[in-house]
Protein backbone atom coordinates (compact mmCIF):
# COMPACT_ATOMS: atom_id res chain seq x y z
CA MET A 1 -34.76 18.00 40.58
CA THR A 2 -33.61 17.73 44.20
CA THR A 3 -30.44 19.33 45.49
CA PRO A 4 -27.87 16.59 46.16
CA ILE A 5 -26.50 15.96 49.63
CA ILE A 6 -22.81 15.21 50.14
CA VAL A 7 -21.81 12.43 52.55
CA TRP A 8 -18.24 13.12 53.63
CA LEU A 9 -16.48 9.87 54.52
CA ARG A 10 -13.34 9.33 56.58
CA ARG A 11 -13.06 6.29 58.88
CA ASP A 12 -16.75 5.40 58.70
CA LEU A 13 -16.64 3.20 55.62
CA ARG A 14 -19.91 1.25 55.82
CA LEU A 15 -23.53 1.53 54.71
CA ALA A 16 -25.36 -0.23 57.55
CA ASP A 17 -25.84 1.61 60.85
CA GLN A 18 -24.19 4.69 59.37
CA PRO A 19 -26.17 7.77 60.51
CA ALA A 20 -24.67 10.19 57.97
CA PHE A 21 -25.84 8.01 55.09
CA ARG A 22 -29.29 7.57 56.63
CA ALA A 23 -29.79 11.29 57.23
CA ALA A 24 -28.63 12.24 53.74
CA ALA A 25 -30.77 9.53 52.11
CA ALA A 26 -33.83 10.85 53.93
CA GLN A 27 -33.28 14.32 52.44
CA GLY A 28 -32.67 13.53 48.78
CA THR A 29 -30.03 12.39 46.33
CA VAL A 30 -26.71 11.38 47.83
CA ILE A 31 -23.13 11.93 46.66
CA PRO A 32 -20.70 9.89 48.79
CA VAL A 33 -17.17 11.26 48.76
CA TYR A 34 -13.93 10.17 50.40
CA VAL A 35 -11.29 12.89 50.68
CA LEU A 36 -7.68 11.79 51.06
CA ASP A 37 -6.57 14.72 53.20
CA ASP A 38 -2.85 14.32 53.86
CA GLU A 39 -2.46 18.09 54.12
CA GLY A 40 -4.92 18.63 56.97
CA ALA A 41 -3.46 15.66 58.85
CA LYS A 42 0.17 16.36 57.91
CA HIS A 43 1.39 15.80 61.48
CA ARG A 44 -0.53 12.51 61.62
CA ARG A 45 -0.41 11.30 58.05
CA MET A 46 -1.86 7.81 57.87
CA GLY A 47 0.76 5.11 58.28
CA ALA A 48 1.78 2.66 55.56
CA ALA A 49 -0.18 -0.32 56.91
CA SER A 50 -3.30 1.80 57.37
CA ARG A 51 -2.99 3.11 53.81
CA TRP A 52 -2.86 -0.48 52.57
CA TRP A 53 -6.07 -1.21 54.49
CA LEU A 54 -7.70 2.00 53.26
CA HIS A 55 -7.15 1.04 49.62
CA TYR A 56 -9.06 -2.20 49.96
CA SER A 57 -11.70 -0.76 52.26
CA LEU A 58 -12.48 1.97 49.74
CA ALA A 59 -12.58 -0.58 46.92
CA SER A 60 -15.04 -2.66 48.95
CA LEU A 61 -17.25 0.34 49.74
CA ALA A 62 -17.21 1.43 46.10
CA ALA A 63 -18.42 -2.03 45.07
CA ASP A 64 -21.16 -1.97 47.72
CA LEU A 65 -22.30 1.46 46.56
CA GLU A 66 -22.37 0.34 42.92
CA GLN A 67 -24.56 -2.58 43.92
CA ALA A 68 -26.87 -0.14 45.72
CA GLY A 69 -27.17 2.02 42.61
CA SER A 70 -24.78 4.69 43.86
CA ARG A 71 -21.11 5.57 43.44
CA LEU A 72 -18.07 6.55 45.51
CA ILE A 73 -16.34 9.79 44.55
CA LEU A 74 -12.64 10.03 45.39
CA ARG A 75 -10.83 13.35 45.74
CA ARG A 76 -7.49 14.43 47.22
CA GLY A 77 -6.71 17.67 49.00
CA LYS A 78 -7.63 19.75 52.01
CA SER A 79 -11.08 18.68 53.14
CA GLU A 80 -12.71 22.10 53.23
CA ASP A 81 -11.33 23.05 49.80
CA VAL A 82 -12.30 19.76 48.18
CA LEU A 83 -15.80 19.72 49.62
CA ALA A 84 -16.43 23.38 48.75
CA ALA A 85 -15.34 22.72 45.16
CA LEU A 86 -17.50 19.60 44.97
CA ALA A 87 -20.50 21.52 46.29
CA ALA A 88 -19.99 24.20 43.65
CA GLU A 89 -19.78 21.55 40.92
CA THR A 90 -22.91 19.70 41.96
CA GLY A 91 -25.08 22.43 43.46
CA ALA A 92 -25.00 20.69 46.84
CA ARG A 93 -25.34 22.93 49.88
CA ALA A 94 -25.48 20.42 52.72
CA VAL A 95 -22.88 17.94 53.95
CA HIS A 96 -23.50 15.06 56.34
CA ALA A 97 -20.61 13.36 58.12
CA MET A 98 -19.74 11.31 61.18
CA HIS A 99 -18.13 13.21 64.04
CA HIS A 100 -14.48 12.26 64.58
CA VAL A 101 -12.51 12.83 67.76
CA GLU A 102 -8.96 13.12 66.38
CA PRO A 103 -7.71 16.71 66.67
CA TRP A 104 -6.93 17.11 62.97
CA TRP A 105 -10.42 15.91 62.02
CA ARG A 106 -12.02 18.24 64.55
CA ASN A 107 -10.06 21.08 62.94
CA ALA A 108 -11.27 19.95 59.52
CA GLU A 109 -14.88 19.79 60.74
CA ARG A 110 -14.67 23.36 61.98
CA ALA A 111 -13.16 24.49 58.66
CA VAL A 112 -15.82 22.70 56.58
CA GLY A 113 -18.57 24.09 58.82
CA LYS A 114 -17.43 27.63 57.96
CA VAL A 115 -17.99 27.17 54.21
CA LEU A 116 -20.82 24.61 54.02
CA ASP A 117 -23.91 23.51 55.92
CA LEU A 118 -22.30 20.63 57.83
CA THR A 119 -24.30 18.22 60.01
CA LEU A 120 -22.30 15.84 62.18
CA HIS A 121 -23.61 12.53 63.46
CA HIS A 122 -22.38 10.18 66.17
CA GLY A 123 -21.91 6.46 65.71
CA LEU A 124 -18.20 5.67 65.84
CA TYR A 125 -18.40 4.89 69.57
CA LEU A 126 -20.91 3.43 72.02
CA ALA A 127 -21.59 6.96 73.30
CA PRO A 128 -20.64 10.36 71.86
CA PRO A 129 -17.15 11.37 73.07
CA GLY A 130 -17.44 13.88 75.89
CA SER A 131 -20.99 12.85 76.80
CA VAL A 132 -20.20 10.42 79.65
CA LEU A 133 -19.71 12.70 82.66
CA THR A 134 -19.14 12.49 86.38
CA GLY A 135 -21.81 13.48 88.88
CA GLY A 136 -20.21 16.92 88.88
CA GLY A 137 -20.62 17.25 85.11
CA THR A 138 -16.95 16.85 84.22
CA PRO A 139 -15.32 14.26 81.94
CA PHE A 140 -13.90 11.12 83.53
CA LYS A 141 -10.14 10.63 83.61
CA ILE A 142 -10.05 7.12 85.11
CA TYR A 143 -11.30 4.13 83.15
CA THR A 144 -13.13 2.13 85.84
CA PRO A 145 -15.66 4.83 86.86
CA PHE A 146 -15.98 5.82 83.19
CA TRP A 147 -16.91 2.25 82.28
CA ARG A 148 -19.43 2.03 85.11
CA ALA A 149 -21.09 5.22 83.93
CA LEU A 150 -21.03 4.10 80.30
CA GLN A 151 -22.68 0.79 81.19
CA GLU A 152 -25.61 2.68 82.66
CA ARG A 153 -26.32 3.95 79.13
CA MET A 154 -26.08 0.53 77.53
CA PRO A 155 -27.18 -1.24 75.46
CA PRO A 156 -26.75 1.11 72.53
CA ALA A 157 -29.66 1.66 70.16
CA PRO A 158 -30.27 -1.33 67.87
CA PRO A 159 -28.28 -1.00 64.63
CA LEU A 160 -30.15 0.10 61.54
CA PRO A 161 -29.92 -1.44 58.06
CA ALA A 162 -28.36 0.31 55.11
CA PRO A 163 -30.65 2.99 53.65
CA LYS A 164 -31.84 3.12 50.07
CA LEU A 165 -29.72 5.65 48.22
CA THR A 166 -30.96 7.86 45.40
CA ALA A 167 -28.34 8.76 42.79
CA PRO A 168 -28.02 12.27 41.32
CA GLU A 169 -28.90 12.87 37.68
CA SER A 170 -25.22 13.25 36.87
CA TRP A 171 -22.09 12.31 38.77
CA PRO A 172 -19.06 14.54 39.40
CA ALA A 173 -15.65 13.31 38.31
CA SER A 174 -13.75 10.96 40.58
CA GLU A 175 -10.06 10.24 40.89
CA ARG A 176 -8.86 6.67 40.41
CA LEU A 177 -8.07 4.73 43.56
CA GLU A 178 -5.13 3.07 41.81
CA ASP A 179 -3.54 6.48 41.25
CA TRP A 180 -3.35 7.25 44.95
CA GLY A 181 -0.38 4.95 45.54
CA LEU A 182 -1.73 3.53 48.80
CA LEU A 183 -0.32 0.06 48.13
CA PRO A 184 3.35 -0.89 48.54
CA THR A 185 5.11 -1.87 45.33
CA LYS A 186 8.93 -1.85 45.57
CA PRO A 187 9.04 -3.92 47.66
CA ASP A 188 5.55 -5.31 48.15
CA TRP A 189 5.67 -6.10 51.86
CA ALA A 190 1.91 -6.68 52.24
CA GLY A 191 1.67 -10.38 51.37
CA GLY A 192 1.08 -11.41 54.97
CA MET A 193 -1.61 -8.78 55.39
CA ARG A 194 -3.42 -9.92 52.27
CA ALA A 195 -3.42 -13.45 53.63
CA GLU A 196 -4.73 -12.38 57.03
CA TRP A 197 -7.32 -9.69 56.33
CA THR A 198 -10.37 -8.89 54.23
CA PRO A 199 -10.95 -5.14 54.55
CA GLY A 200 -14.45 -3.80 54.01
CA GLU A 201 -17.92 -4.09 55.45
CA GLY A 202 -18.31 -7.67 54.22
CA GLY A 203 -15.02 -8.73 55.78
CA ALA A 204 -16.04 -7.08 59.05
CA ALA A 205 -19.34 -8.98 59.08
CA GLU A 206 -17.54 -12.29 58.52
CA ARG A 207 -15.00 -11.55 61.26
CA LEU A 208 -17.79 -10.63 63.70
CA GLU A 209 -19.78 -13.76 62.88
CA THR A 210 -16.69 -15.90 63.47
CA PHE A 211 -15.94 -14.24 66.79
CA VAL A 212 -19.49 -14.55 68.13
CA ARG A 213 -19.13 -18.35 68.00
CA ARG A 214 -16.24 -18.23 70.49
CA ALA A 215 -16.97 -15.01 72.39
CA ALA A 216 -18.17 -16.89 75.48
CA ARG A 217 -14.57 -18.01 76.18
CA TYR A 218 -12.98 -14.64 75.49
CA ALA A 219 -11.83 -13.95 79.07
CA GLU A 220 -9.95 -17.25 79.44
CA ARG A 221 -8.32 -17.12 76.01
CA ARG A 222 -7.64 -13.46 75.25
CA ASN A 223 -4.21 -13.44 76.94
CA LEU A 224 -2.89 -16.56 75.18
CA PRO A 225 -1.11 -15.46 71.98
CA ALA A 226 -0.81 -19.03 70.65
CA MET A 227 -4.59 -19.38 70.66
CA LEU A 228 -7.20 -17.65 68.50
CA GLY A 229 -8.91 -16.01 71.45
CA THR A 230 -9.28 -12.34 70.51
CA SER A 231 -11.83 -10.83 68.14
CA ARG A 232 -9.44 -9.26 65.58
CA LEU A 233 -12.16 -6.70 64.96
CA SER A 234 -9.96 -3.72 65.79
CA PRO A 235 -9.09 -2.62 62.22
CA HIS A 236 -12.69 -3.06 61.10
CA LEU A 237 -13.86 -0.92 64.03
CA HIS A 238 -11.18 1.67 63.39
CA PHE A 239 -12.15 2.14 59.75
CA GLY A 240 -15.84 2.11 60.62
CA GLU A 241 -16.62 -1.00 58.58
CA VAL A 242 -18.70 -2.20 61.51
CA SER A 243 -20.25 -0.06 64.23
CA PRO A 244 -19.64 -0.67 67.95
CA ALA A 245 -23.41 -0.99 68.33
CA GLN A 246 -23.45 -3.81 65.77
CA VAL A 247 -20.66 -5.55 67.68
CA TRP A 248 -22.34 -5.04 71.05
CA HIS A 249 -25.68 -6.48 69.96
CA ALA A 250 -24.05 -9.40 68.15
CA VAL A 251 -21.86 -10.39 71.10
CA ALA A 252 -24.00 -9.49 74.14
CA GLY A 253 -26.10 -12.63 73.95
CA ALA A 254 -23.21 -15.06 73.46
CA GLY A 255 -23.05 -15.94 77.16
CA GLY A 256 -19.96 -16.87 79.13
CA SER A 257 -17.43 -14.10 79.61
CA VAL A 258 -18.70 -11.60 77.06
CA SER A 259 -18.74 -8.89 79.73
CA THR A 260 -14.93 -8.88 79.54
CA PHE A 261 -15.05 -8.26 75.82
CA LEU A 262 -17.70 -5.55 76.20
CA GLY A 263 -15.31 -3.89 78.63
CA GLU A 264 -12.76 -3.77 75.80
CA LEU A 265 -15.32 -1.92 73.68
CA GLY A 266 -15.66 0.39 76.66
CA TRP A 267 -11.88 0.93 76.71
CA ARG A 268 -12.14 2.06 73.09
CA ASP A 269 -14.70 4.67 74.16
CA TYR A 270 -12.48 5.61 77.10
CA ALA A 271 -9.53 6.28 74.78
CA ALA A 272 -11.71 8.56 72.66
CA ASN A 273 -12.82 10.30 75.87
CA VAL A 274 -9.17 10.96 76.78
CA ILE A 275 -8.33 12.35 73.33
CA HIS A 276 -11.44 14.51 73.45
CA GLN A 277 -10.07 16.13 76.61
CA PHE A 278 -6.38 16.14 75.70
CA PRO A 279 -5.94 16.42 71.91
CA ASP A 280 -2.13 16.33 72.05
CA TYR A 281 -2.08 13.10 74.08
CA GLY A 282 -0.23 11.30 71.30
CA ALA A 283 2.64 13.78 71.38
CA ARG A 284 3.04 14.82 75.01
CA SER A 285 3.12 12.93 78.31
CA TYR A 286 0.09 13.72 80.45
CA LYS A 287 2.27 13.78 83.58
CA ASP A 288 4.63 16.69 83.01
CA GLU A 289 7.44 15.06 85.00
CA PHE A 290 7.88 12.46 82.25
CA GLU A 291 8.86 15.23 79.85
CA ARG A 292 12.03 15.48 81.96
CA LEU A 293 12.83 11.76 82.05
CA GLU A 294 16.28 11.13 80.55
CA TRP A 295 15.45 8.72 77.74
CA ARG A 296 18.37 7.06 75.99
CA THR A 297 19.41 8.67 72.72
CA GLY A 298 22.33 8.37 70.35
CA PRO A 299 23.73 5.59 68.13
CA GLU A 300 23.50 2.79 70.71
CA ALA A 301 19.87 3.60 71.51
CA GLU A 302 19.05 3.81 67.80
CA ALA A 303 20.61 0.39 67.24
CA ASP A 304 18.48 -1.01 70.08
CA LEU A 305 15.38 0.60 68.62
CA ALA A 306 16.13 -1.02 65.24
CA ALA A 307 16.63 -4.41 66.90
CA TRP A 308 13.27 -4.02 68.63
CA GLN A 309 11.55 -3.01 65.37
CA GLN A 310 13.05 -5.98 63.54
CA GLY A 311 12.34 -8.57 66.24
CA ARG A 312 16.04 -9.12 66.99
CA THR A 313 16.20 -8.39 70.73
CA GLY A 314 17.09 -11.89 71.94
CA TYR A 315 13.85 -12.08 73.92
CA PRO A 316 11.68 -14.62 72.03
CA ILE A 317 8.26 -13.30 73.09
CA VAL A 318 9.25 -9.74 72.15
CA ASP A 319 10.71 -10.83 68.82
CA ALA A 320 7.67 -12.95 67.98
CA GLY A 321 5.37 -10.00 68.56
CA MET A 322 7.41 -7.58 66.49
CA ARG A 323 7.66 -10.05 63.61
CA GLU A 324 3.93 -10.76 63.76
CA LEU A 325 3.36 -7.02 63.52
CA TRP A 326 5.61 -6.65 60.48
CA ALA A 327 4.09 -9.63 58.69
CA THR A 328 0.38 -9.06 59.39
CA GLY A 329 -0.02 -5.44 60.49
CA TRP A 330 -1.40 -6.64 63.82
CA MET A 331 -0.14 -7.92 67.15
CA HIS A 332 -1.79 -9.89 69.93
CA ASN A 333 -3.03 -7.62 72.74
CA ARG A 334 -1.02 -9.22 75.57
CA VAL A 335 2.13 -9.15 73.47
CA ARG A 336 1.58 -5.47 72.67
CA MET A 337 1.88 -4.78 76.40
CA ILE A 338 5.05 -6.85 76.67
CA VAL A 339 6.86 -5.26 73.72
CA ALA A 340 5.83 -1.75 74.81
CA SER A 341 7.12 -2.29 78.33
CA PHE A 342 10.35 -3.73 76.93
CA LEU A 343 11.03 -0.71 74.72
CA ILE A 344 10.20 1.84 77.41
CA LYS A 345 11.80 0.20 80.41
CA HIS A 346 14.36 -2.40 79.39
CA LEU A 347 15.68 -0.16 76.59
CA LEU A 348 14.72 3.19 78.19
CA ILE A 349 13.57 4.57 74.83
CA ASP A 350 10.90 7.28 74.70
CA TRP A 351 7.38 5.83 74.42
CA ARG A 352 6.72 8.15 71.47
CA ARG A 353 9.23 6.22 69.35
CA GLY A 354 7.20 3.07 69.91
CA GLU A 355 3.93 4.85 69.28
CA GLU A 356 5.30 6.16 65.99
CA TRP A 357 6.32 2.65 64.91
CA PHE A 358 2.90 1.23 65.77
CA TRP A 359 1.25 4.12 63.95
CA ASP A 360 3.09 3.18 60.76
CA THR A 361 2.85 -0.61 60.98
CA LEU A 362 -0.54 -1.40 62.54
CA VAL A 363 -3.60 -1.85 60.34
CA ASP A 364 -5.66 -0.83 63.40
CA ALA A 365 -3.51 2.23 64.20
CA ASP A 366 -5.93 4.40 66.14
CA TYR A 367 -4.79 7.74 67.53
CA GLY A 368 -6.74 7.46 70.77
CA GLN A 369 -6.03 3.84 71.60
CA ASN A 370 -2.42 3.96 70.43
CA ALA A 371 -1.61 7.01 72.55
CA VAL A 372 -3.56 5.88 75.61
CA ASN A 373 -2.04 2.39 75.55
CA TRP A 374 1.53 3.62 75.13
CA GLN A 375 1.14 6.18 77.91
CA TRP A 376 -0.39 3.45 80.09
CA SER A 377 2.74 1.33 79.57
CA ALA A 378 5.03 4.29 80.19
CA GLY A 379 3.30 5.30 83.41
CA SER A 380 2.98 8.82 82.01
CA GLY A 381 -0.74 8.73 81.26
CA VAL A 382 -3.85 10.03 82.98
CA ASP A 383 -4.77 6.48 84.06
CA ALA A 384 -1.62 4.41 83.75
CA ASN A 385 0.46 1.56 85.04
CA MET A 386 3.23 2.62 87.45
CA PHE A 387 6.59 3.08 85.73
CA VAL A 388 8.28 0.98 88.40
CA ARG A 389 6.12 -2.03 87.49
CA ILE A 390 8.35 -3.60 84.87
CA MET A 391 7.13 -6.61 82.93
CA ALA A 392 9.60 -9.47 82.80
CA PRO A 393 9.36 -10.97 79.29
CA LEU A 394 10.96 -14.23 80.40
CA THR A 395 8.19 -14.64 82.98
CA GLN A 396 5.33 -13.39 80.83
CA SER A 397 6.14 -15.80 78.01
CA PRO A 398 5.61 -19.12 79.86
CA LYS A 399 2.85 -17.62 82.01
CA PHE A 400 0.75 -17.04 78.90
CA GLU A 401 1.78 -20.26 77.15
CA ALA A 402 3.51 -18.55 74.24
CA ALA A 403 5.70 -21.48 73.08
CA ASN A 404 3.80 -22.22 69.87
CA TYR A 405 3.37 -18.51 69.19
CA ILE A 406 7.15 -18.14 69.31
CA ARG A 407 7.60 -21.17 67.04
CA GLN A 408 5.29 -19.57 64.48
CA TRP A 409 7.03 -16.20 64.34
CA VAL A 410 10.61 -17.03 65.34
CA PRO A 411 11.31 -20.17 63.30
CA GLU A 412 14.99 -20.20 64.37
CA LEU A 413 13.75 -21.44 67.76
CA ALA A 414 11.10 -23.87 66.50
CA LYS A 415 13.04 -26.99 67.48
CA LEU A 416 13.46 -25.97 71.12
CA GLY A 417 11.27 -27.57 73.76
CA ASP A 418 8.60 -25.72 75.71
CA ALA A 419 10.93 -25.34 78.68
CA GLU A 420 13.76 -23.72 76.70
CA ILE A 421 12.03 -21.72 73.99
CA HIS A 422 11.10 -18.78 76.25
CA ASP A 423 14.78 -18.21 77.18
CA PRO A 424 17.15 -20.28 75.00
CA GLY A 425 20.30 -19.40 76.97
CA LEU A 426 23.13 -21.71 75.98
CA LEU A 427 20.77 -23.54 73.61
CA ARG A 428 20.42 -20.41 71.46
CA PRO A 429 20.79 -21.56 67.85
CA ARG A 430 23.14 -19.90 65.40
CA GLY A 431 21.44 -16.95 63.72
CA TYR A 432 19.33 -15.96 66.70
CA PRO A 433 20.72 -12.92 68.56
CA ALA A 434 21.85 -12.80 72.16
CA LYS A 435 19.87 -10.52 74.49
CA ILE A 436 20.59 -6.88 73.71
CA VAL A 437 20.27 -6.15 77.42
CA GLU A 438 19.97 -8.44 80.41
CA HIS A 439 16.70 -8.15 82.32
CA THR A 440 18.39 -7.15 85.58
CA VAL A 441 20.52 -4.51 83.84
CA GLY A 442 17.61 -3.00 81.92
CA ARG A 443 15.41 -2.99 84.99
CA ALA A 444 18.05 -1.33 87.16
CA ARG A 445 18.71 1.33 84.50
CA ALA A 446 15.01 2.15 84.20
CA LEU A 447 14.52 2.38 87.95
CA ALA A 448 17.56 4.62 88.28
CA ALA A 449 16.25 6.99 85.60
CA HIS A 450 12.87 7.12 87.32
CA ALA A 451 14.43 7.68 90.74
CA LYS A 452 16.45 10.58 89.33
CA LEU A 453 13.30 12.01 87.84
CA LYS A 454 11.45 11.79 91.15
CA ALA A 455 14.42 13.34 92.99
CA VAL A 456 14.33 16.35 90.67
């Protein structure tokens, strides 16, 4: 009888091109386990939309494992305690897992490594975080030279098929997924997400296959929210239902402007590289001066924040994006930039409030990308847009042909023509709010706050 090997799963929920599964399968019988560790990640407990996705992703993986003659074990608790108990139950001594870059997972990996023989594998990114270095041997801080250096290591190794798994003679007990309460019930706000997404490795493969057919036109379409121009692979990549190597090799030969899309994969690696260097990047501005910026607080600011969250700002492109987010758990990439800039600069509300909202409502809520993108918009990041560059929503909306996008998500405005829908003005229909702040007023307020900061 061989000693079983534990595969510890987190956001690496696939069988193909999954190095932890392959290494464990090569050594003997395999016990796959997912630990719902809300205690270890208590400061970054998974948001509601991500928990919805997790439920269905785990259900999909469990079905795939059953078909492969294996099983998925579910346990709740602190990772090191759960895995140590599982090892004692089964006689396992070794644990294989994928290396994660989030600070709470790095803490958990250290804790597990103290009580069990833990082997970590890379495969969540194109290159291991922290491995792409400058000529002087230090980590990059700026994206462009990072991407150039990363490209020198590309393409990634060809993806490997799912290994054959050998089941243990007896299985340990598993908790029931339905008992974890990951799905919303009262009310059930996930209808739009169910209609939009198919979590799991199979859903990821279908989404990738669909995108490959139009990847050649990615660069010309990616900024147009009314058009299906982006990949929508982000939640599948976040939960590890598809590997970045699988995506790279599927897309690289599509021709056209695929280099632009591959650069987006590189940005994902860059965000992980930033978090690897600065673990608290999601909680603290990289530029210390922004910790002194006088963000708006109090009842009026809270009311503005609520209007932004609900898509009731009076700016159609902003409202369309926020409503798309609430309905589907996702938002178009160009619109994410617009709504982030609006919150930070027009409303002068701390970028962390926006990051927190995205963390709870995005199905692709990723610590690295979420923090890096919000700090880019705020101008507070290591490689960021300047704070004084303030996006004008009323200009961005027609520039990126958002009329039909607005009609889809802000039906109150659906009858307006293309010329009026971006800024209804006097044609604003009853039921649609007036602007909560005029562009010139919001811009002036933001610039004044920044000027005061610089003066100090």
